[in-house]
Amino acid sequence: MRPIAAFALPALLAGCMPYAENVENGQTPPESSGLCNAEKLDHAVGQKLTADLEARLKREARAELVRVAPHDGAITMDYSPARLNIFIDDTRKIIRINCG
């Protein structure tokens, strides 16, 4: 099975090439790409996270996924360019927002 895996990995990675080339060239991904952009979400820091606010932030960031994480909790270190991360304190107040 090792020979099959050796051919499968390059084929899977080839799908990432257009994204990497666009980012390196400074191009903005197309609106429908699902790539997250949290640059303009600072207005939400300090607000209490509600379901409505979470949905609005997801739309504004053009993210496909949202991960809400406690400020002192453990999270996986996997990177997803389509995911919005919202870090909250014990009272659900937003303390940090980023993508990944």
PDB file of N, CA and C in Angstrom:
ATOM      1  N   MET A   1       0.809  -1.206   0.000  1.00  0.00           N
ATOM      2  CA  MET A   1       0.000   0.000   0.000  1.00  0.00           C
ATOM      3  C   MET A   1       0.845   1.259   0.000  1.00  0.00           C
ATOM      4  N   ARG A   2       2.065   1.187   0.355  1.00  0.00           N
ATOM      5  CA  ARG A   2       2.902   2.385   0.380  1.00  0.00           C
ATOM      6  C   ARG A   2       3.018   3.052  -0.984  1.00  0.00           C
ATOM      7  N   PRO A   3       3.151   2.314  -2.080  1.00  0.00           N
ATOM      8  CA  PRO A   3       3.235   3.003  -3.377  1.00  0.00           C
ATOM      9  C   PRO A   3       1.987   3.841  -3.677  1.00  0.00           C
ATOM     10  N   ILE A   4       0.816   3.361  -3.268  1.00  0.00           N
ATOM     11  CA  ILE A   4      -0.414   4.122  -3.512  1.00  0.00           C
ATOM     12  C   ILE A   4      -0.382   5.418  -2.705  1.00  0.00           C
ATOM     13  N   ALA A   5       0.039   5.345  -1.456  1.00  0.00           N
ATOM     14  CA  ALA A   5       0.110   6.546  -0.614  1.00  0.00           C
ATOM     15  C   ALA A   5       1.101   7.547  -1.176  1.00  0.00           C
ATOM     16  N   ALA A   6       2.175   7.062  -1.759  1.00  0.00           N
ATOM     17  CA  ALA A   6       3.183   7.956  -2.330  1.00  0.00           C
ATOM     18  C   ALA A   6       2.620   8.762  -3.492  1.00  0.00           C
ATOM     19  N   PHE A   7       1.671   8.208  -4.218  1.00  0.00           N
ATOM     20  CA  PHE A   7       1.055   8.926  -5.338  1.00  0.00           C
ATOM     21  C   PHE A   7      -0.141   9.763  -4.891  1.00  0.00           C
ATOM     22  N   ALA A   8      -0.808   9.341  -3.826  1.00  0.00           N
ATOM     23  CA  ALA A   8      -2.003  10.046  -3.372  1.00  0.00           C
ATOM     24  C   ALA A   8      -1.666  11.388  -2.739  1.00  0.00           C
ATOM     25  N   LEU A   9      -0.609  11.462  -1.954  1.00  0.00           N
ATOM     26  CA  LEU A   9      -0.272  12.703  -1.262  1.00  0.00           C
ATOM     27  C   LEU A   9       0.005  13.851  -2.237  1.00  0.00           C
ATOM     28  N   PRO A  10       0.849  13.674  -3.244  1.00  0.00           N
ATOM     29  CA  PRO A  10       1.059  14.789  -4.185  1.00  0.00           C
ATOM     30  C   PRO A  10      -0.220  15.210  -4.903  1.00  0.00           C
ATOM     31  N   ALA A  11      -1.078  14.246  -5.194  1.00  0.00           N
ATOM     32  CA  ALA A  11      -2.337  14.586  -5.868  1.00  0.00           C
ATOM     33  C   ALA A  11      -3.219  15.428  -4.960  1.00  0.00           C
ATOM     34  N   LEU A  12      -3.273  15.089  -3.679  1.00  0.00           N
ATOM     35  CA  LEU A  12      -4.069  15.877  -2.733  1.00  0.00           C
ATOM     36  C   LEU A  12      -3.494  17.270  -2.551  1.00  0.00           C
ATOM     37  N   LEU A  13      -2.196  17.376  -2.450  1.00  0.00           N
ATOM     38  CA  LEU A  13      -1.564  18.672  -2.255  1.00  0.00           C
ATOM     39  C   LEU A  13      -1.681  19.572  -3.479  1.00  0.00           C
ATOM     40  N   ALA A  14      -1.795  18.995  -4.638  1.00  0.00           N
ATOM     41  CA  ALA A  14      -1.918  19.790  -5.863  1.00  0.00           C
ATOM     42  C   ALA A  14      -3.162  20.668  -5.825  1.00  0.00           C
ATOM     43  N   GLY A  15      -4.202  20.220  -5.117  1.00  0.00           N
ATOM     44  CA  GLY A  15      -5.422  21.007  -4.999  1.00  0.00           C
ATOM     45  C   GLY A  15      -5.223  22.297  -4.220  1.00  0.00           C
ATOM     46  N   CYS A  16      -4.167  22.400  -3.461  1.00  0.00           N
ATOM     47  CA  CYS A  16      -3.890  23.598  -2.661  1.00  0.00           C
ATOM     48  C   CYS A  16      -3.129  24.655  -3.446  1.00  0.00           C
ATOM     49  N   MET A  17      -2.604  24.340  -4.569  1.00  0.00           N
ATOM     50  CA  MET A  17      -1.746  25.248  -5.314  1.00  0.00           C
ATOM     51  C   MET A  17      -2.397  26.585  -5.675  1.00  0.00           C
ATOM     52  N   PRO A  18      -3.606  26.635  -6.228  1.00  0.00           N
ATOM     53  CA  PRO A  18      -4.161  27.943  -6.590  1.00  0.00           C
ATOM     54  C   PRO A  18      -4.281  28.873  -5.401  1.00  0.00           C
ATOM     55  N   TYR A  19      -4.673  28.362  -4.231  1.00  0.00           N
ATOM     56  CA  TYR A  19      -4.789  29.206  -3.056  1.00  0.00           C
ATOM     57  C   TYR A  19      -3.432  29.772  -2.671  1.00  0.00           C
ATOM     58  N   ALA A  20      -2.425  28.918  -2.606  1.00  0.00           N
ATOM     59  CA  ALA A  20      -1.086  29.359  -2.215  1.00  0.00           C
ATOM     60  C   ALA A  20      -0.554  30.403  -3.185  1.00  0.00           C
ATOM     61  N   GLU A  21      -0.764  30.211  -4.472  1.00  0.00           N
ATOM     62  CA  GLU A  21      -0.281  31.176  -5.458  1.00  0.00           C
ATOM     63  C   GLU A  21      -0.988  32.517  -5.303  1.00  0.00           C
ATOM     64  N   ASN A  22      -2.297  32.518  -5.059  1.00  0.00           N
ATOM     65  CA  ASN A  22      -3.037  33.769  -4.887  1.00  0.00           C
ATOM     66  C   ASN A  22      -2.569  34.535  -3.669  1.00  0.00           C
ATOM     67  N   VAL A  23      -2.351  33.836  -2.562  1.00  0.00           N
ATOM     68  CA  VAL A  23      -1.917  34.492  -1.338  1.00  0.00           C
ATOM     69  C   VAL A  23      -0.525  35.082  -1.524  1.00  0.00           C
ATOM     70  N   GLU A  24       0.375  34.334  -2.134  1.00  0.00           N
ATOM     71  CA  GLU A  24       1.730  34.826  -2.349  1.00  0.00           C
ATOM     72  C   GLU A  24       1.755  36.042  -3.266  1.00  0.00           C
ATOM     73  N   ASN A  25       0.850  36.097  -4.217  1.00  0.00           N
ATOM     74  CA  ASN A  25       0.798  37.220  -5.151  1.00  0.00           C
ATOM     75  C   ASN A  25      -0.003  38.392  -4.605  1.00  0.00           C
ATOM     76  N   GLY A  26      -0.521  38.258  -3.394  1.00  0.00           N
ATOM     77  CA  GLY A  26      -1.277  39.345  -2.778  1.00  0.00           C
ATOM     78  C   GLY A  26      -2.678  39.508  -3.317  1.00  0.00           C
ATOM     79  N   GLN A  27      -3.167  38.524  -4.033  1.00  0.00           N
ATOM     80  CA  GLN A  27      -4.510  38.614  -4.596  1.00  0.00           C
ATOM     81  C   GLN A  27      -5.543  38.245  -3.544  1.00  0.00           C
ATOM     82  N   THR A  28      -6.666  38.910  -3.583  1.00  0.00           N
ATOM     83  CA  THR A  28      -7.765  38.591  -2.684  1.00  0.00           C
ATOM     84  C   THR A  28      -8.511  37.397  -3.250  1.00  0.00           C
ATOM     85  N   PRO A  29      -8.802  36.384  -2.408  1.00  0.00           N
ATOM     86  CA  PRO A  29      -9.554  35.247  -2.915  1.00  0.00           C
ATOM     87  C   PRO A  29     -10.954  35.668  -3.332  1.00  0.00           C
ATOM     88  N   PRO A  30     -11.562  34.968  -4.283  1.00  0.00           N
ATOM     89  CA  PRO A  30     -12.915  35.320  -4.706  1.00  0.00           C
ATOM     90  C   PRO A  30     -13.901  35.215  -3.559  1.00  0.00           C
ATOM     91  N   GLU A  31     -14.979  35.991  -3.621  1.00  0.00           N
ATOM     92  CA  GLU A  31     -15.953  36.058  -2.539  1.00  0.00           C
ATOM     93  C   GLU A  31     -16.531  34.694  -2.190  1.00  0.00           C
ATOM     94  N   SER A  32     -16.729  33.843  -3.163  1.00  0.00           N
ATOM     95  CA  SER A  32     -17.356  32.549  -2.918  1.00  0.00           C
ATOM     96  C   SER A  32     -16.368  31.471  -2.490  1.00  0.00           C
ATOM     97  N   SER A  33     -15.125  31.830  -2.249  1.00  0.00           N
ATOM     98  CA  SER A  33     -14.107  30.823  -1.949  1.00  0.00           C
ATOM     99  C   SER A  33     -14.257  30.212  -0.568  1.00  0.00           C
ATOM    100  N   GLY A  34     -14.909  30.898   0.374  1.00  0.00           N
ATOM    101  CA  GLY A  34     -15.027  30.378   1.724  1.00  0.00           C
ATOM    102  C   GLY A  34     -13.792  30.609   2.567  1.00  0.00           C
ATOM    103  N   LEU A  35     -12.830  31.374   2.057  1.00  0.00           N
ATOM    104  CA  LEU A  35     -11.630  31.665   2.832  1.00  0.00           C
ATOM    105  C   LEU A  35     -11.942  32.773   3.822  1.00  0.00           C
ATOM    106  N   CYS A  36     -11.535  32.563   5.040  1.00  0.00           N
ATOM    107  CA  CYS A  36     -11.843  33.475   6.137  1.00  0.00           C
ATOM    108  C   CYS A  36     -10.979  34.734   6.077  1.00  0.00           C
ATOM    109  N   ASN A  37     -11.579  35.878   6.440  1.00  0.00           N
ATOM    110  CA  ASN A  37     -10.852  37.137   6.548  1.00  0.00           C
ATOM    111  C   ASN A  37     -11.408  37.887   7.763  1.00  0.00           C
ATOM    112  N   ALA A  38     -10.635  37.894   8.850  1.00  0.00           N
ATOM    113  CA  ALA A  38     -11.095  38.503  10.105  1.00  0.00           C
ATOM    114  C   ALA A  38     -10.571  39.911  10.322  1.00  0.00           C
ATOM    115  N   GLU A  39      -9.998  40.530   9.293  1.00  0.00           N
ATOM    116  CA  GLU A  39      -9.372  41.848   9.448  1.00  0.00           C
ATOM    117  C   GLU A  39     -10.317  42.928   9.953  1.00  0.00           C
ATOM    118  N   LYS A  40     -11.588  42.852   9.619  1.00  0.00           N
ATOM    119  CA  LYS A  40     -12.519  43.923   9.974  1.00  0.00           C
ATOM    120  C   LYS A  40     -13.491  43.512  11.079  1.00  0.00           C
ATOM    121  N   LEU A  41     -13.088  42.572  11.927  1.00  0.00           N
ATOM    122  CA  LEU A  41     -13.995  42.087  12.959  1.00  0.00           C
ATOM    123  C   LEU A  41     -13.644  42.590  14.350  1.00  0.00           C
ATOM    124  N   ASP A  42     -12.701  43.514  14.453  1.00  0.00           N
ATOM    125  CA  ASP A  42     -12.301  44.040  15.762  1.00  0.00           C
ATOM    126  C   ASP A  42     -13.464  44.705  16.499  1.00  0.00           C
ATOM    127  N   HIS A  43     -14.456  45.172  15.772  1.00  0.00           N
ATOM    128  CA  HIS A  43     -15.611  45.829  16.392  1.00  0.00           C
ATOM    129  C   HIS A  43     -16.349  44.902  17.351  1.00  0.00           C
ATOM    130  N   ALA A  44     -16.184  43.589  17.187  1.00  0.00           N
ATOM    131  CA  ALA A  44     -16.908  42.631  18.026  1.00  0.00           C
ATOM    132  C   ALA A  44     -16.172  42.286  19.326  1.00  0.00           C
ATOM    133  N   VAL A  45     -14.884  42.605  19.397  1.00  0.00           N
ATOM    134  CA  VAL A  45     -14.131  42.311  20.623  1.00  0.00           C
ATOM    135  C   VAL A  45     -14.726  43.128  21.767  1.00  0.00           C
ATOM    136  N   GLY A  46     -15.007  42.448  22.874  1.00  0.00           N
ATOM    137  CA  GLY A  46     -15.629  43.092  24.028  1.00  0.00           C
ATOM    138  C   GLY A  46     -17.120  42.856  24.101  1.00  0.00           C
ATOM    139  N   GLN A  47     -17.741  42.420  23.005  1.00  0.00           N
ATOM    140  CA  GLN A  47     -19.177  42.145  23.009  1.00  0.00           C
ATOM    141  C   GLN A  47     -19.443  40.728  23.503  1.00  0.00           C
ATOM    142  N   LYS A  48     -20.637  40.518  24.026  1.00  0.00           N
ATOM    143  CA  LYS A  48     -21.047  39.180  24.438  1.00  0.00           C
ATOM    144  C   LYS A  48     -21.447  38.392  23.194  1.00  0.00           C
ATOM    145  N   LEU A  49     -20.921  37.174  23.071  1.00  0.00           N
ATOM    146  CA  LEU A  49     -21.212  36.348  21.902  1.00  0.00           C
ATOM    147  C   LEU A  49     -22.605  35.737  22.016  1.00  0.00           C
ATOM    148  N   THR A  50     -23.433  36.029  21.036  1.00  0.00           N
ATOM    149  CA  THR A  50     -24.766  35.433  20.925  1.00  0.00           C
ATOM    150  C   THR A  50     -24.808  34.656  19.619  1.00  0.00           C
ATOM    151  N   ALA A  51     -25.841  33.887  19.427  1.00  0.00           N
ATOM    152  CA  ALA A  51     -25.993  33.131  18.182  1.00  0.00           C
ATOM    153  C   ALA A  51     -26.086  34.079  16.988  1.00  0.00           C
ATOM    154  N   ASP A  52     -26.808  35.190  17.154  1.00  0.00           N
ATOM    155  CA  ASP A  52     -26.946  36.159  16.064  1.00  0.00           C
ATOM    156  C   ASP A  52     -25.606  36.810  15.720  1.00  0.00           C
ATOM    157  N   LEU A  53     -24.851  37.188  16.751  1.00  0.00           N
ATOM    158  CA  LEU A  53     -23.549  37.810  16.506  1.00  0.00           C
ATOM    159  C   LEU A  53     -22.592  36.814  15.860  1.00  0.00           C
ATOM    160  N   GLU A  54     -22.613  35.574  16.310  1.00  0.00           N
ATOM    161  CA  GLU A  54     -21.760  34.543  15.705  1.00  0.00           C
ATOM    162  C   GLU A  54     -22.066  34.382  14.215  1.00  0.00           C
ATOM    163  N   ALA A  55     -23.342  34.335  13.871  1.00  0.00           N
ATOM    164  CA  ALA A  55     -23.742  34.197  12.467  1.00  0.00           C
ATOM    165  C   ALA A  55     -23.303  35.415  11.655  1.00  0.00           C
ATOM    166  N   ARG A  56     -23.440  36.607  12.238  1.00  0.00           N
ATOM    167  CA  ARG A  56     -23.038  37.833  11.534  1.00  0.00           C
ATOM    168  C   ARG A  56     -21.529  37.857  11.297  1.00  0.00           C
ATOM    169  N   LEU A  57     -20.755  37.480  12.317  1.00  0.00           N
ATOM    170  CA  LEU A  57     -19.299  37.463  12.166  1.00  0.00           C
ATOM    171  C   LEU A  57     -18.862  36.443  11.127  1.00  0.00           C
ATOM    172  N   LYS A  58     -19.529  35.303  11.099  1.00  0.00           N
ATOM    173  CA  LYS A  58     -19.222  34.277  10.091  1.00  0.00           C
ATOM    174  C   LYS A  58     -19.450  34.831   8.690  1.00  0.00           C
ATOM    175  N   ARG A  59     -20.573  35.533   8.504  1.00  0.00           N
ATOM    176  CA  ARG A  59     -20.882  36.145   7.201  1.00  0.00           C
ATOM    177  C   ARG A  59     -19.858  37.212   6.842  1.00  0.00           C
ATOM    178  N   GLU A  60     -19.540  38.093   7.790  1.00  0.00           N
ATOM    179  CA  GLU A  60     -18.602  39.183   7.526  1.00  0.00           C
ATOM    180  C   GLU A  60     -17.209  38.654   7.189  1.00  0.00           C
ATOM    181  N   ALA A  61     -16.825  37.548   7.813  1.00  0.00           N
ATOM    182  CA  ALA A  61     -15.501  36.973   7.567  1.00  0.00           C
ATOM    183  C   ALA A  61     -15.480  36.086   6.331  1.00  0.00           C
ATOM    184  N   ARG A  62     -16.663  35.788   5.782  1.00  0.00           N
ATOM    185  CA  ARG A  62     -16.796  34.876   4.650  1.00  0.00           C
ATOM    186  C   ARG A  62     -16.237  33.497   4.978  1.00  0.00           C
ATOM    187  N   ALA A  63     -16.436  33.075   6.208  1.00  0.00           N
ATOM    188  CA  ALA A  63     -15.924  31.788   6.681  1.00  0.00           C
ATOM    189  C   ALA A  63     -16.940  30.682   6.430  1.00  0.00           C
ATOM    190  N   GLU A  64     -16.436  29.482   6.237  1.00  0.00           N
ATOM    191  CA  GLU A  64     -17.305  28.323   6.103  1.00  0.00           C
ATOM    192  C   GLU A  64     -17.614  27.707   7.461  1.00  0.00           C
ATOM    193  N   LEU A  65     -16.680  27.830   8.390  1.00  0.00           N
ATOM    194  CA  LEU A  65     -16.801  27.215   9.706  1.00  0.00           C
ATOM    195  C   LEU A  65     -16.537  28.240  10.793  1.00  0.00           C
ATOM    196  N   VAL A  66     -17.086  27.998  11.978  1.00  0.00           N
ATOM    197  CA  VAL A  66     -16.800  28.830  13.145  1.00  0.00           C
ATOM    198  C   VAL A  66     -16.412  27.911  14.292  1.00  0.00           C
ATOM    199  N   ARG A  67     -15.334  28.275  14.973  1.00  0.00           N
ATOM    200  CA  ARG A  67     -14.945  27.553  16.196  1.00  0.00           C
ATOM    201  C   ARG A  67     -14.960  28.567  17.331  1.00  0.00           C
ATOM    202  N   VAL A  68     -15.799  28.295  18.332  1.00  0.00           N
ATOM    203  CA  VAL A  68     -15.844  29.128  19.530  1.00  0.00           C
ATOM    204  C   VAL A  68     -15.021  28.403  20.580  1.00  0.00           C
ATOM    205  N   ALA A  69     -14.036  29.097  21.135  1.00  0.00           N
ATOM    206  CA  ALA A  69     -13.114  28.457  22.068  1.00  0.00           C
ATOM    207  C   ALA A  69     -12.982  29.290  23.334  1.00  0.00           C
ATOM    208  N   PRO A  70     -12.946  28.629  24.483  1.00  0.00           N
ATOM    209  CA  PRO A  70     -12.709  29.353  25.733  1.00  0.00           C
ATOM    210  C   PRO A  70     -11.272  29.850  25.786  1.00  0.00           C
ATOM    211  N   HIS A  71     -11.064  30.988  26.402  1.00  0.00           N
ATOM    212  CA  HIS A  71      -9.731  31.598  26.435  1.00  0.00           C
ATOM    213  C   HIS A  71      -8.707  30.722  27.134  1.00  0.00           C
ATOM    214  N   ASP A  72      -9.145  29.867  28.046  1.00  0.00           N
ATOM    215  CA  ASP A  72      -8.207  29.026  28.784  1.00  0.00           C
ATOM    216  C   ASP A  72      -8.329  27.549  28.424  1.00  0.00           C
ATOM    217  N   GLY A  73      -9.022  27.256  27.330  1.00  0.00           N
ATOM    218  CA  GLY A  73      -9.239  25.871  26.925  1.00  0.00           C
ATOM    219  C   GLY A  73      -8.233  25.403  25.895  1.00  0.00           C
ATOM    220  N   ALA A  74      -8.171  24.130  25.724  1.00  0.00           N
ATOM    221  CA  ALA A  74      -7.289  23.534  24.725  1.00  0.00           C
ATOM    222  C   ALA A  74      -8.037  23.424  23.400  1.00  0.00           C
ATOM    223  N   ILE A  75      -7.338  23.733  22.318  1.00  0.00           N
ATOM    224  CA  ILE A  75      -7.898  23.572  20.976  1.00  0.00           C
ATOM    225  C   ILE A  75      -6.862  22.867  20.115  1.00  0.00           C
ATOM    226  N   THR A  76      -7.327  22.268  19.044  1.00  0.00           N
ATOM    227  CA  THR A  76      -6.404  21.612  18.126  1.00  0.00           C
ATOM    228  C   THR A  76      -5.607  22.667  17.372  1.00  0.00           C
ATOM    229  N   MET A  77      -4.446  22.308  16.937  1.00  0.00           N
ATOM    230  CA  MET A  77      -3.577  23.243  16.224  1.00  0.00           C
ATOM    231  C   MET A  77      -3.691  23.101  14.707  1.00  0.00           C
ATOM    232  N   ASP A  78      -4.680  22.352  14.232  1.00  0.00           N
ATOM    233  CA  ASP A  78      -4.852  22.220  12.792  1.00  0.00           C
ATOM    234  C   ASP A  78      -5.261  23.564  12.206  1.00  0.00           C
ATOM    235  N   TYR A  79      -4.812  23.840  10.996  1.00  0.00           N
ATOM    236  CA  TYR A  79      -5.085  25.112  10.347  1.00  0.00           C
ATOM    237  C   TYR A  79      -6.137  24.917   9.275  1.00  0.00           C
ATOM    238  N   SER A  80      -7.149  25.737   9.282  1.00  0.00           N
ATOM    239  CA  SER A  80      -8.175  25.712   8.258  1.00  0.00           C
ATOM    240  C   SER A  80      -8.397  27.148   7.775  1.00  0.00           C
ATOM    241  N   PRO A  81      -8.016  27.462   6.538  1.00  0.00           N
ATOM    242  CA  PRO A  81      -8.174  28.838   6.043  1.00  0.00           C
ATOM    243  C   PRO A  81      -9.628  29.272   5.910  1.00  0.00           C
ATOM    244  N   ALA A  82     -10.558  28.344   6.045  1.00  0.00           N
ATOM    245  CA  ALA A  82     -11.976  28.668   5.928  1.00  0.00           C
ATOM    246  C   ALA A  82     -12.657  28.805   7.278  1.00  0.00           C
ATOM    247  N   ARG A  83     -11.884  28.709   8.382  1.00  0.00           N
ATOM    248  CA  ARG A  83     -12.490  28.705   9.718  1.00  0.00           C
ATOM    249  C   ARG A  83     -12.247  30.016  10.459  1.00  0.00           C
ATOM    250  N   LEU A  84     -13.300  30.523  11.082  1.00  0.00           N
ATOM    251  CA  LEU A  84     -13.230  31.686  11.958  1.00  0.00           C
ATOM    252  C   LEU A  84     -13.145  31.184  13.392  1.00  0.00           C
ATOM    253  N   ASN A  85     -12.140  31.651  14.130  1.00  0.00           N
ATOM    254  CA  ASN A  85     -11.972  31.302  15.534  1.00  0.00           C
ATOM    255  C   ASN A  85     -12.412  32.485  16.395  1.00  0.00           C
ATOM    256  N   ILE A  86     -13.318  32.228  17.329  1.00  0.00           N
ATOM    257  CA  ILE A  86     -13.781  33.254  18.251  1.00  0.00           C
ATOM    258  C   ILE A  86     -13.433  32.787  19.659  1.00  0.00           C
ATOM    259  N   PHE A  87     -12.581  33.531  20.337  1.00  0.00           N
ATOM    260  CA  PHE A  87     -12.154  33.189  21.684  1.00  0.00           C
ATOM    261  C   PHE A  87     -12.960  34.026  22.674  1.00  0.00           C
ATOM    262  N   ILE A  88     -13.527  33.350  23.678  1.00  0.00           N
ATOM    263  CA  ILE A  88     -14.405  34.010  24.642  1.00  0.00           C
ATOM    264  C   ILE A  88     -13.911  33.766  26.071  1.00  0.00           C
ATOM    265  N   ASP A  89     -14.348  34.647  26.982  1.00  0.00           N
ATOM    266  CA  ASP A  89     -14.033  34.446  28.399  1.00  0.00           C
ATOM    267  C   ASP A  89     -15.180  33.683  29.062  1.00  0.00           C
ATOM    268  N   ASP A  90     -15.140  33.584  30.371  1.00  0.00           N
ATOM    269  CA  ASP A  90     -16.140  32.811  31.111  1.00  0.00           C
ATOM    270  C   ASP A  90     -17.552  33.392  31.020  1.00  0.00           C
ATOM    271  N   THR A  91     -17.671  34.670  30.676  1.00  0.00           N
ATOM    272  CA  THR A  91     -18.990  35.299  30.549  1.00  0.00           C
ATOM    273  C   THR A  91     -19.444  35.380  29.092  1.00  0.00           C
ATOM    274  N   ARG A  92     -18.725  34.701  28.184  1.00  0.00           N
ATOM    275  CA  ARG A  92     -18.978  34.675  26.733  1.00  0.00           C
ATOM    276  C   ARG A  92     -18.633  36.004  26.055  1.00  0.00           C
ATOM    277  N   LYS A  93     -17.848  36.836  26.717  1.00  0.00           N
ATOM    278  CA  LYS A  93     -17.374  38.077  26.097  1.00  0.00           C
ATOM    279  C   LYS A  93     -16.236  37.714  25.130  1.00  0.00           C
ATOM    280  N   ILE A  94     -16.295  38.278  23.930  1.00  0.00           N
ATOM    281  CA  ILE A  94     -15.273  37.996  22.908  1.00  0.00           C
ATOM    282  C   ILE A  94     -13.982  38.709  23.298  1.00  0.00           C
ATOM    283  N   ILE A  95     -12.888  37.943  23.332  1.00  0.00           N
ATOM    284  CA  ILE A  95     -11.597  38.535  23.671  1.00  0.00           C
ATOM    285  C   ILE A  95     -10.622  38.533  22.494  1.00  0.00           C
ATOM    286  N   ARG A  96     -10.882  37.677  21.494  1.00  0.00           N
ATOM    287  CA  ARG A  96      -9.987  37.641  20.323  1.00  0.00           C
ATOM    288  C   ARG A  96     -10.703  36.929  19.187  1.00  0.00           C
ATOM    289  N   ILE A  97     -10.419  37.370  17.966  1.00  0.00           N
ATOM    290  CA  ILE A  97     -10.991  36.754  16.765  1.00  0.00           C
ATOM    291  C   ILE A  97      -9.871  36.619  15.741  1.00  0.00           C
ATOM    292  N   ASN A  98      -9.788  35.434  15.127  1.00  0.00           N
ATOM    293  CA  ASN A  98      -8.838  35.255  14.031  1.00  0.00           C
ATOM    294  C   ASN A  98      -9.305  34.121  13.131  1.00  0.00           C
ATOM    295  N   CYS A  99      -8.590  33.903  12.073  1.00  0.00           N
ATOM    296  CA  CYS A  99      -8.899  32.818  11.151  1.00  0.00           C
ATOM    297  C   CYS A  99      -7.845  31.730  11.287  1.00  0.00           C
ATOM    298  N   GLY A 100      -8.233  30.543  10.913  1.00  0.00           N
ATOM    299  CA  GLY A 100      -7.251  29.454  10.917  1.00  0.00           C
ATOM    300  C   GLY A 100      -7.709  28.207  11.472  1.00  0.00           C
TER     301      GLY A 100
END
